[in-house]
Every structure is written in C-alpha cells, then in structure tokens.
Amino acid sequence: MTERTAKIRLDGTGSGTIEVNGQPLRGVRSLTLSSEAGQRPEITLELLLHDVSTIAEARVLITEDVAATLVSLGWTPPPEQEVPDAAAHG
C-alpha cells in the first residue's frame, strides 16, 4: 500500500478538515488513528458514499474535485478519463 501524507484538523466537537497529499477530502464519515511503538501511525478513513444499483450499464460522472481526491488516494482512472492536477484543486 502506498503511503500518503495526511493533515487532520479537529475541534472539540469532531468537526474539522482532512487533507490527503494536499487534497481536501469531503464526505468523511469517520476516521480512526492507530499507532504502535516503533511503527508509523495509521489513519483509516470511512467516506460517506451513496449506494447506487443498476440493472443496465451506466455512465458514471464525477466532478473534477472528486476525481482529484480519488487520484490522491491511489485511484487510477481509465485511459479515457482526464483528471486535472490534484494540486490545482487544493
């Protein structure tokens, strides 16, 4: 698994922001931070996504911000999917 750089800012109510590789993440439902002595800390993020079902082929459209976020998390888009530079959206 590829390591990423994360920045987390939380207040006392659990509200805040999370960035991965400089890309702000939206729709974060929860996060878990774990650390063991002598090991790098690990962050597990749960994203709030909508469940979509279809019985036919469908074309899925995502915004540039979502595509840039997915790329920063390691997603490789299909060859026909153009993705702008994630740094331009940070």
PDB file of N, CA and C in Angstrom:
ATOM      1  N   MET A   1       0.857  -1.179   0.000  1.00  0.00           N
ATOM      2  CA  MET A   1       0.000   0.000   0.000  1.00  0.00           C
ATOM      3  C   MET A   1       0.898   1.235   0.000  1.00  0.00           C
ATOM      4  N   THR A   2       0.567   2.199  -0.840  1.00  0.00           N
ATOM      5  CA  THR A   2       1.340   3.424  -0.938  1.00  0.00           C
ATOM      6  C   THR A   2       1.044   4.336   0.244  1.00  0.00           C
ATOM      7  N   GLU A   3       2.101   4.878   0.833  1.00  0.00           N
ATOM      8  CA  GLU A   3       1.913   5.803   1.948  1.00  0.00           C
ATOM      9  C   GLU A   3       1.497   7.168   1.424  1.00  0.00           C
ATOM     10  N   ARG A   4       0.654   7.829   2.172  1.00  0.00           N
ATOM     11  CA  ARG A   4       0.166   9.164   1.844  1.00  0.00           C
ATOM     12  C   ARG A   4       0.465  10.098   3.007  1.00  0.00           C
ATOM     13  N   THR A   5       0.488  11.388   2.741  1.00  0.00           N
ATOM     14  CA  THR A   5       0.656  12.391   3.782  1.00  0.00           C
ATOM     15  C   THR A   5      -0.724  12.921   4.143  1.00  0.00           C
ATOM     16  N   ALA A   6      -1.051  12.913   5.423  1.00  0.00           N
ATOM     17  CA  ALA A   6      -2.375  13.384   5.856  1.00  0.00           C
ATOM     18  C   ALA A   6      -2.228  14.526   6.850  1.00  0.00           C
ATOM     19  N   LYS A   7      -3.132  15.489   6.751  1.00  0.00           N
ATOM     20  CA  LYS A   7      -3.242  16.582   7.721  1.00  0.00           C
ATOM     21  C   LYS A   7      -4.663  16.555   8.262  1.00  0.00           C
ATOM     22  N   ILE A   8      -4.782  16.489   9.569  1.00  0.00           N
ATOM     23  CA  ILE A   8      -6.093  16.417  10.215  1.00  0.00           C
ATOM     24  C   ILE A   8      -6.217  17.600  11.166  1.00  0.00           C
ATOM     25  N   ARG A   9      -7.320  18.318  11.052  1.00  0.00           N
ATOM     26  CA  ARG A   9      -7.621  19.411  11.979  1.00  0.00           C
ATOM     27  C   ARG A   9      -9.007  19.148  12.546  1.00  0.00           C
ATOM     28  N   LEU A  10      -9.080  18.914  13.853  1.00  0.00           N
ATOM     29  CA  LEU A  10     -10.359  18.635  14.507  1.00  0.00           C
ATOM     30  C   LEU A  10     -10.550  19.567  15.682  1.00  0.00           C
ATOM     31  N   ASP A  11     -11.815  19.934  15.914  1.00  0.00           N
ATOM     32  CA  ASP A  11     -12.115  20.711  17.116  1.00  0.00           C
ATOM     33  C   ASP A  11     -12.728  19.781  18.157  1.00  0.00           C
ATOM     34  N   GLY A  12     -13.160  20.326  19.261  1.00  0.00           N
ATOM     35  CA  GLY A  12     -13.701  19.533  20.365  1.00  0.00           C
ATOM     36  C   GLY A  12     -15.008  18.826  20.053  1.00  0.00           C
ATOM     37  N   THR A  13     -15.675  19.204  18.957  1.00  0.00           N
ATOM     38  CA  THR A  13     -16.940  18.560  18.599  1.00  0.00           C
ATOM     39  C   THR A  13     -16.765  17.518  17.497  1.00  0.00           C
ATOM     40  N   GLY A  14     -15.524  17.323  17.046  1.00  0.00           N
ATOM     41  CA  GLY A  14     -15.275  16.359  15.979  1.00  0.00           C
ATOM     42  C   GLY A  14     -15.409  16.949  14.588  1.00  0.00           C
ATOM     43  N   SER A  15     -15.649  18.247  14.493  1.00  0.00           N
ATOM     44  CA  SER A  15     -15.703  18.907  13.185  1.00  0.00           C
ATOM     45  C   SER A  15     -14.290  19.318  12.793  1.00  0.00           C
ATOM     46  N   GLY A  16     -14.039  19.404  11.501  1.00  0.00           N
ATOM     47  CA  GLY A  16     -12.722  19.832  11.058  1.00  0.00           C
ATOM     48  C   GLY A  16     -12.500  19.522   9.608  1.00  0.00           C
ATOM     49  N   THR A  17     -11.224  19.413   9.233  1.00  0.00           N
ATOM     50  CA  THR A  17     -10.854  19.140   7.853  1.00  0.00           C
ATOM     51  C   THR A  17      -9.808  18.034   7.812  1.00  0.00           C
ATOM     52  N   ILE A  18      -9.788  17.316   6.693  1.00  0.00           N
ATOM     53  CA  ILE A  18      -8.798  16.273   6.458  1.00  0.00           C
ATOM     54  C   ILE A  18      -8.275  16.460   5.046  1.00  0.00           C
ATOM     55  N   GLU A  19      -6.946  16.458   4.913  1.00  0.00           N
ATOM     56  CA  GLU A  19      -6.300  16.532   3.607  1.00  0.00           C
ATOM     57  C   GLU A  19      -5.418  15.304   3.445  1.00  0.00           C
ATOM     58  N   VAL A  20      -5.415  14.726   2.248  1.00  0.00           N
ATOM     59  CA  VAL A  20      -4.517  13.621   1.916  1.00  0.00           C
ATOM     60  C   VAL A  20      -3.714  14.067   0.705  1.00  0.00           C
ATOM     61  N   ASN A  21      -2.392  14.070   0.862  1.00  0.00           N
ATOM     62  CA  ASN A  21      -1.495  14.560  -0.193  1.00  0.00           C
ATOM     63  C   ASN A  21      -1.903  15.948  -0.656  1.00  0.00           C
ATOM     64  N   GLY A  22      -2.335  16.794   0.270  1.00  0.00           N
ATOM     65  CA  GLY A  22      -2.713  18.167  -0.046  1.00  0.00           C
ATOM     66  C   GLY A  22      -4.105  18.330  -0.616  1.00  0.00           C
ATOM     67  N   GLN A  23      -4.821  17.238  -0.829  1.00  0.00           N
ATOM     68  CA  GLN A  23      -6.174  17.285  -1.406  1.00  0.00           C
ATOM     69  C   GLN A  23      -7.206  17.207  -0.287  1.00  0.00           C
ATOM     70  N   PRO A  24      -8.046  18.243  -0.112  1.00  0.00           N
ATOM     71  CA  PRO A  24      -9.081  18.166   0.928  1.00  0.00           C
ATOM     72  C   PRO A  24     -10.072  17.050   0.621  1.00  0.00           C
ATOM     73  N   LEU A  25     -10.424  16.293   1.635  1.00  0.00           N
ATOM     74  CA  LEU A  25     -11.405  15.222   1.471  1.00  0.00           C
ATOM     75  C   LEU A  25     -12.752  15.708   1.975  1.00  0.00           C
ATOM     76  N   ARG A  26     -13.764  15.473   1.178  1.00  0.00           N
ATOM     77  CA  ARG A  26     -15.129  15.810   1.575  1.00  0.00           C
ATOM     78  C   ARG A  26     -15.879  14.501   1.774  1.00  0.00           C
ATOM     79  N   GLY A  27     -16.869  14.514   2.624  1.00  0.00           N
ATOM     80  CA  GLY A  27     -17.674  13.324   2.829  1.00  0.00           C
ATOM     81  C   GLY A  27     -17.032  12.313   3.757  1.00  0.00           C
ATOM     82  N   VAL A  28     -16.103  12.751   4.613  1.00  0.00           N
ATOM     83  CA  VAL A  28     -15.501  11.820   5.567  1.00  0.00           C
ATOM     84  C   VAL A  28     -16.506  11.563   6.678  1.00  0.00           C
ATOM     85  N   ARG A  29     -16.852  10.310   6.856  1.00  0.00           N
ATOM     86  CA  ARG A  29     -17.822   9.932   7.887  1.00  0.00           C
ATOM     87  C   ARG A  29     -17.140   9.718   9.231  1.00  0.00           C
ATOM     88  N   SER A  30     -15.961   9.082   9.188  1.00  0.00           N
ATOM     89  CA  SER A  30     -15.219   8.849  10.427  1.00  0.00           C
ATOM     90  C   SER A  30     -13.760   8.601  10.102  1.00  0.00           C
ATOM     91  N   LEU A  31     -12.933   8.710  11.129  1.00  0.00           N
ATOM     92  CA  LEU A  31     -11.533   8.352  10.974  1.00  0.00           C
ATOM     93  C   LEU A  31     -11.076   7.642  12.234  1.00  0.00           C
ATOM     94  N   THR A  32     -10.124   6.748  12.039  1.00  0.00           N
ATOM     95  CA  THR A  32      -9.515   6.029  13.151  1.00  0.00           C
ATOM     96  C   THR A  32      -8.017   6.193  13.020  1.00  0.00           C
ATOM     97  N   LEU A  33      -7.378   6.639  14.084  1.00  0.00           N
ATOM     98  CA  LEU A  33      -5.937   6.798  14.111  1.00  0.00           C
ATOM     99  C   LEU A  33      -5.379   5.760  15.065  1.00  0.00           C
ATOM    100  N   SER A  34      -4.444   4.947  14.573  1.00  0.00           N
ATOM    101  CA  SER A  34      -3.831   3.952  15.444  1.00  0.00           C
ATOM    102  C   SER A  34      -2.317   4.065  15.339  1.00  0.00           C
ATOM    103  N   SER A  35      -1.656   3.767  16.444  1.00  0.00           N
ATOM    104  CA  SER A  35      -0.212   3.876  16.470  1.00  0.00           C
ATOM    105  C   SER A  35       0.354   2.863  17.451  1.00  0.00           C
ATOM    106  N   GLU A  36       1.451   2.246  17.058  1.00  0.00           N
ATOM    107  CA  GLU A  36       2.163   1.328  17.931  1.00  0.00           C
ATOM    108  C   GLU A  36       3.590   1.832  18.075  1.00  0.00           C
ATOM    109  N   ALA A  37       4.209   1.562  19.215  1.00  0.00           N
ATOM    110  CA  ALA A  37       5.582   1.991  19.448  1.00  0.00           C
ATOM    111  C   ALA A  37       6.489   1.469  18.334  1.00  0.00           C
ATOM    112  N   GLY A  38       7.293   2.359  17.784  1.00  0.00           N
ATOM    113  CA  GLY A  38       8.239   1.974  16.749  1.00  0.00           C
ATOM    114  C   GLY A  38       7.649   1.835  15.365  1.00  0.00           C
ATOM    115  N   GLN A  39       6.360   2.110  15.198  1.00  0.00           N
ATOM    116  CA  GLN A  39       5.687   1.994  13.904  1.00  0.00           C
ATOM    117  C   GLN A  39       5.131   3.355  13.482  1.00  0.00           C
ATOM    118  N   ARG A  40       4.956   3.528  12.182  1.00  0.00           N
ATOM    119  CA  ARG A  40       4.323   4.762  11.701  1.00  0.00           C
ATOM    120  C   ARG A  40       2.841   4.717  12.047  1.00  0.00           C
ATOM    121  N   PRO A  41       2.258   5.847  12.437  1.00  0.00           N
ATOM    122  CA  PRO A  41       0.817   5.867  12.701  1.00  0.00           C
ATOM    123  C   PRO A  41       0.030   5.532  11.442  1.00  0.00           C
ATOM    124  N   GLU A  42      -1.148   4.947  11.619  1.00  0.00           N
ATOM    125  CA  GLU A  42      -2.042   4.632  10.506  1.00  0.00           C
ATOM    126  C   GLU A  42      -3.372   5.328  10.717  1.00  0.00           C
ATOM    127  N   ILE A  43      -3.913   5.872   9.631  1.00  0.00           N
ATOM    128  CA  ILE A  43      -5.224   6.519   9.660  1.00  0.00           C
ATOM    129  C   ILE A  43      -6.131   5.735   8.720  1.00  0.00           C
ATOM    130  N   THR A  44      -7.292   5.339   9.223  1.00  0.00           N
ATOM    131  CA  THR A  44      -8.302   4.682   8.401  1.00  0.00           C
ATOM    132  C   THR A  44      -9.466   5.649   8.257  1.00  0.00           C
ATOM    133  N   LEU A  45      -9.833   5.959   7.019  1.00  0.00           N
ATOM    134  CA  LEU A  45     -10.927   6.887   6.748  1.00  0.00           C
ATOM    135  C   LEU A  45     -12.124   6.125   6.208  1.00  0.00           C
ATOM    136  N   GLU A  46     -13.295   6.490   6.689  1.00  0.00           N
ATOM    137  CA  GLU A  46     -14.537   5.953   6.132  1.00  0.00           C
ATOM    138  C   GLU A  46     -15.236   7.115   5.442  1.00  0.00           C
ATOM    139  N   LEU A  47     -15.453   6.963   4.139  1.00  0.00           N
ATOM    140  CA  LEU A  47     -16.097   8.017   3.363  1.00  0.00           C
ATOM    141  C   LEU A  47     -17.585   7.743   3.246  1.00  0.00           C
ATOM    142  N   LEU A  48     -18.364   8.794   3.284  1.00  0.00           N
ATOM    143  CA  LEU A  48     -19.813   8.689   3.135  1.00  0.00           C
ATOM    144  C   LEU A  48     -20.130   8.694   1.653  1.00  0.00           C
ATOM    145  N   LEU A  49     -20.433   7.529   1.124  1.00  0.00           N
ATOM    146  CA  LEU A  49     -20.765   7.378  -0.286  1.00  0.00           C
ATOM    147  C   LEU A  49     -22.185   6.861  -0.406  1.00  0.00           C
ATOM    148  N   HIS A  50     -22.813   7.184  -1.501  1.00  0.00           N
ATOM    149  CA  HIS A  50     -24.178   6.724  -1.729  1.00  0.00           C
ATOM    150  C   HIS A  50     -24.142   5.386  -2.449  1.00  0.00           C
ATOM    151  N   ASP A  51     -24.998   4.501  -2.066  1.00  0.00           N
ATOM    152  CA  ASP A  51     -25.097   3.191  -2.700  1.00  0.00           C
ATOM    153  C   ASP A  51     -25.942   3.337  -3.956  1.00  0.00           C
ATOM    154  N   VAL A  52     -25.388   2.904  -5.074  1.00  0.00           N
ATOM    155  CA  VAL A  52     -26.089   3.010  -6.345  1.00  0.00           C
ATOM    156  C   VAL A  52     -26.170   1.624  -6.961  1.00  0.00           C
ATOM    157  N   SER A  53     -27.356   1.227  -7.358  1.00  0.00           N
ATOM    158  CA  SER A  53     -27.534  -0.059  -8.028  1.00  0.00           C
ATOM    159  C   SER A  53     -28.186   0.191  -9.374  1.00  0.00           C
ATOM    160  N   THR A  54     -27.836  -0.637 -10.357  1.00  0.00           N
ATOM    161  CA  THR A  54     -28.439  -0.515 -11.673  1.00  0.00           C
ATOM    162  C   THR A  54     -28.499  -1.891 -12.315  1.00  0.00           C
ATOM    163  N   ILE A  55     -29.476  -2.077 -13.172  1.00  0.00           N
ATOM    164  CA  ILE A  55     -29.550  -3.344 -13.899  1.00  0.00           C
ATOM    165  C   ILE A  55     -29.072  -3.166 -15.331  1.00  0.00           C
ATOM    166  N   ALA A  56     -28.642  -1.969 -15.672  1.00  0.00           N
ATOM    167  CA  ALA A  56     -28.147  -1.683 -17.017  1.00  0.00           C
ATOM    168  C   ALA A  56     -26.792  -0.999 -16.901  1.00  0.00           C
ATOM    169  N   GLU A  57     -26.088  -0.952 -18.014  1.00  0.00           N
ATOM    170  CA  GLU A  57     -24.837  -0.214 -17.999  1.00  0.00           C
ATOM    171  C   GLU A  57     -25.147   1.260 -17.799  1.00  0.00           C
ATOM    172  N   ALA A  58     -24.284   1.918 -17.069  1.00  0.00           N
ATOM    173  CA  ALA A  58     -24.485   3.338 -16.808  1.00  0.00           C
ATOM    174  C   ALA A  58     -23.152   4.053 -16.923  1.00  0.00           C
ATOM    175  N   ARG A  59     -23.220   5.281 -17.311  1.00  0.00           N
ATOM    176  CA  ARG A  59     -22.030   6.127 -17.358  1.00  0.00           C
ATOM    177  C   ARG A  59     -21.982   6.893 -16.054  1.00  0.00           C
ATOM    178  N   VAL A  60     -20.878   6.782 -15.333  1.00  0.00           N
ATOM    179  CA  VAL A  60     -20.732   7.451 -14.041  1.00  0.00           C
ATOM    180  C   VAL A  60     -19.926   8.718 -14.248  1.00  0.00           C
ATOM    181  N   LEU A  61     -20.484   9.831 -13.842  1.00  0.00           N
ATOM    182  CA  LEU A  61     -19.824  11.123 -13.973  1.00  0.00           C
ATOM    183  C   LEU A  61     -19.448  11.613 -12.580  1.00  0.00           C
ATOM    184  N   ILE A  62     -18.221  12.073 -12.443  1.00  0.00           N
ATOM    185  CA  ILE A  62     -17.782  12.633 -11.168  1.00  0.00           C
ATOM    186  C   ILE A  62     -17.169  14.001 -11.423  1.00  0.00           C
ATOM    187  N   THR A  63     -17.223  14.846 -10.419  1.00  0.00           N
ATOM    188  CA  THR A  63     -16.668  16.190 -10.569  1.00  0.00           C
ATOM    189  C   THR A  63     -15.146  16.129 -10.573  1.00  0.00           C
ATOM    190  N   GLU A  64     -14.520  17.199 -11.025  1.00  0.00           N
ATOM    191  CA  GLU A  64     -13.060  17.268 -11.041  1.00  0.00           C
ATOM    192  C   GLU A  64     -12.491  17.134  -9.627  1.00  0.00           C
ATOM    193  N   ASP A  65     -13.156  17.747  -8.626  1.00  0.00           N
ATOM    194  CA  ASP A  65     -12.676  17.652  -7.244  1.00  0.00           C
ATOM    195  C   ASP A  65     -12.695  16.213  -6.750  1.00  0.00           C
ATOM    196  N   VAL A  66     -13.767  15.478  -7.056  1.00  0.00           N
ATOM    197  CA  VAL A  66     -13.861  14.079  -6.629  1.00  0.00           C
ATOM    198  C   VAL A  66     -12.796  13.249  -7.332  1.00  0.00           C
ATOM    199  N   ALA A  67     -12.604  13.467  -8.633  1.00  0.00           N
ATOM    200  CA  ALA A  67     -11.582  12.724  -9.374  1.00  0.00           C
ATOM    201  C   ALA A  67     -10.198  12.995  -8.792  1.00  0.00           C
ATOM    202  N   ALA A  68      -9.901  14.247  -8.495  1.00  0.00           N
ATOM    203  CA  ALA A  68      -8.596  14.597  -7.926  1.00  0.00           C
ATOM    204  C   ALA A  68      -8.413  13.955  -6.549  1.00  0.00           C
ATOM    205  N   THR A  69      -9.484  13.919  -5.761  1.00  0.00           N
ATOM    206  CA  THR A  69      -9.415  13.270  -4.442  1.00  0.00           C
ATOM    207  C   THR A  69      -9.140  11.788  -4.598  1.00  0.00           C
ATOM    208  N   LEU A  70      -9.859  11.122  -5.490  1.00  0.00           N
ATOM    209  CA  LEU A  70      -9.654   9.692  -5.706  1.00  0.00           C
ATOM    210  C   LEU A  70      -8.234   9.398  -6.191  1.00  0.00           C
ATOM    211  N   VAL A  71      -7.707  10.227  -7.089  1.00  0.00           N
ATOM    212  CA  VAL A  71      -6.342  10.038  -7.573  1.00  0.00           C
ATOM    213  C   VAL A  71      -5.356  10.190  -6.423  1.00  0.00           C
ATOM    214  N   SER A  72      -5.581  11.177  -5.540  1.00  0.00           N
ATOM    215  CA  SER A  72      -4.662  11.365  -4.408  1.00  0.00           C
ATOM    216  C   SER A  72      -4.697  10.179  -3.454  1.00  0.00           C
ATOM    217  N   LEU A  73      -5.792   9.414  -3.470  1.00  0.00           N
ATOM    218  CA  LEU A  73      -5.905   8.213  -2.633  1.00  0.00           C
ATOM    219  C   LEU A  73      -5.394   6.963  -3.343  1.00  0.00           C
ATOM    220  N   GLY A  74      -4.941   7.120  -4.593  1.00  0.00           N
ATOM    221  CA  GLY A  74      -4.346   5.991  -5.289  1.00  0.00           C
ATOM    222  C   GLY A  74      -5.152   5.421  -6.442  1.00  0.00           C
ATOM    223  N   TRP A  75      -6.306   6.004  -6.749  1.00  0.00           N
ATOM    224  CA  TRP A  75      -7.139   5.514  -7.846  1.00  0.00           C
ATOM    225  C   TRP A  75      -6.457   5.798  -9.176  1.00  0.00           C
ATOM    226  N   THR A  76      -6.503   4.843 -10.054  1.00  0.00           N
ATOM    227  CA  THR A  76      -6.010   5.042 -11.414  1.00  0.00           C
ATOM    228  C   THR A  76      -7.222   5.123 -12.327  1.00  0.00           C
ATOM    229  N   PRO A  77      -7.457   6.289 -12.912  1.00  0.00           N
ATOM    230  CA  PRO A  77      -8.629   6.436 -13.772  1.00  0.00           C
ATOM    231  C   PRO A  77      -8.459   5.653 -15.069  1.00  0.00           C
ATOM    232  N   PRO A  78      -9.572   5.320 -15.724  1.00  0.00           N
ATOM    233  CA  PRO A  78      -9.472   4.659 -17.025  1.00  0.00           C
ATOM    234  C   PRO A  78      -8.781   5.595 -18.020  1.00  0.00           C
ATOM    235  N   PRO A  79      -8.188   5.034 -19.067  1.00  0.00           N
ATOM    236  CA  PRO A  79      -7.413   5.858 -20.021  1.00  0.00           C
ATOM    237  C   PRO A  79      -8.204   7.038 -20.603  1.00  0.00           C
ATOM    238  N   GLU A  80      -9.498   6.858 -20.804  1.00  0.00           N
ATOM    239  CA  GLU A  80     -10.288   7.943 -21.404  1.00  0.00           C
ATOM    240  C   GLU A  80     -10.691   9.028 -20.398  1.00  0.00           C
ATOM    241  N   GLN A  81     -10.417   8.816 -19.114  1.00  0.00           N
ATOM    242  CA  GLN A  81     -10.790   9.780 -18.062  1.00  0.00           C
ATOM    243  C   GLN A  81      -9.651  10.765 -17.840  1.00  0.00           C
ATOM    244  N   GLU A  82      -9.870  12.011 -18.191  1.00  0.00           N
ATOM    245  CA  GLU A  82      -8.858  13.037 -17.928  1.00  0.00           C
ATOM    246  C   GLU A  82      -9.050  13.538 -16.514  1.00  0.00           C
ATOM    247  N   VAL A  83      -7.945  13.628 -15.775  1.00  0.00           N
ATOM    248  CA  VAL A  83      -8.009  14.117 -14.398  1.00  0.00           C
ATOM    249  C   VAL A  83      -7.044  15.282 -14.275  1.00  0.00           C
ATOM    250  N   PRO A  84      -7.563  16.426 -13.838  1.00  0.00           N
ATOM    251  CA  PRO A  84      -6.676  17.584 -13.666  1.00  0.00           C
ATOM    252  C   PRO A  84      -5.708  17.334 -12.518  1.00  0.00           C
ATOM    253  N   ASP A  85      -4.648  18.119 -12.479  1.00  0.00           N
ATOM    254  CA  ASP A  85      -3.653  18.010 -11.418  1.00  0.00           C
ATOM    255  C   ASP A  85      -4.301  18.250 -10.071  1.00  0.00           C
ATOM    256  N   ALA A  86      -4.148  17.295  -9.129  1.00  0.00           N
ATOM    257  CA  ALA A  86      -4.761  17.393  -7.802  1.00  0.00           C
ATOM    258  C   ALA A  86      -4.280  18.635  -7.068  1.00  0.00           C
ATOM    259  N   ALA A  87      -3.043  19.061  -7.279  1.00  0.00           N
ATOM    260  CA  ALA A  87      -2.512  20.227  -6.578  1.00  0.00           C
ATOM    261  C   ALA A  87      -3.268  21.502  -6.959  1.00  0.00           C
ATOM    262  N   ALA A  88      -3.831  21.531  -8.153  1.00  0.00           N
ATOM    263  CA  ALA A  88      -4.564  22.714  -8.604  1.00  0.00           C
ATOM    264  C   ALA A  88      -5.883  22.851  -7.867  1.00  0.00           C
ATOM    265  N   HIS A  89      -6.359  21.785  -7.227  1.00  0.00           N
ATOM    266  CA  HIS A  89      -7.640  21.825  -6.525  1.00  0.00           C
ATOM    267  C   HIS A  89      -7.474  21.975  -5.031  1.00  0.00           C
ATOM    268  N   GLY A  90      -6.266  22.019  -4.521  1.00  0.00           N
ATOM    269  CA  GLY A  90      -6.022  22.091  -3.089  1.00  0.00           C
ATOM    270  C   GLY A  90      -6.175  23.445  -2.625  1.00  0.00           C
TER     271      GLY A  90
END
